[in-house]
Amino acid sequence: MAIFTTTAYPLISLVEDIALGKIGLPDIQRPFVWPNKNVRNLFDSLYRGYPAGYLLFWETGADSTAKTIGQGSHHAAPSLAIVDGQQRLTSLFAVVKGREVLRADFKRERIRIAFNPLVETFEVTDASILKDKAYIPDISVLWAPGASLFKIAGAYVNELSNVRALTDDEKERAQEAIGRLHALTSYAFTALTLNASVKPEEVAEVFVRINGEGKKLNQSDFIMTLMSVFWDKGRAELEDFAQSAAVAGQGRHRGSIIISSHRRTSCCGRR
């Protein structure tokens, strides 16, 4: 009997399930290791319809009415833990929701990805991009609550028209590209979901065989994942200790171990 099911998840469903806590994404609280150019490349791949790899989930066995320890009563225990795909899902969630990520130096950052509708290219936003009216400097605005795609596209065309003349064909092409970008939330990811009866050792073996990289998942990976699901208060206290040790420069040896443990947890999500 198969130990997993295969599901096609639209991007918007993944993002909303993360926001609701149905899918546990601890990397929102842990240092995010991807450089911004990787995030840019991911959105470019989705825009062009390229495959974005499998996601690997593991059913936690948590009842839908269960709550995580140390959280408010509104916060349900995640029914799915992410084994492979944390970096991709963190990138997508952070950009679509306009959320900050936590870097290795414990500084928070908003990842801003820019889009040029005329040539359909993505860039990491910098000072020069902010001055260039050919770009939408932060694509997160397309999915902001209450955002009007019609107004965004119209404002883009109007502002660029004040800088350079646009043909009717260019205006139409730009508006179509903006609409296509906005529709990325319908992009379907393939997720393999291991059932709750699968043991941690089997999950690790599945991960290694799928990746074909010989990269072993260790106990700390599963400890942090399971803490995020069932004892988030303990995970948060551990994260706070690591941050305090890093910032204050005290307990350097022990702090570095914990921080490196967090970085290893990112191996649960393929780079």
Foldseek 3Di string as FASTA:
>chain_A
DDQKDKDWDQLLNLLVCCVQQQEQQCQQVAAQDDDLVVLQVQLLCLLVVHAPDEWEKEAQPFDQCDAAPPDDNSRHQHRIYTQAANNVNVSSNCQQAVHWGQHLLRDTDRFFKKAQQQVGGIDGADPVQVVDLSIPGGLNLLNYPPRDLVVVLVVSVVVVCVVDNDDPVSSVSSSVSSVSSSPSSRRIHMYIYGYNVDDPVVSQVVLCVSVVPPDGDDPLLVVLRVCSRHPVVVNVVLSVVLNCCSVVVPPVVVSVVSSVSSVSNCVSYPD
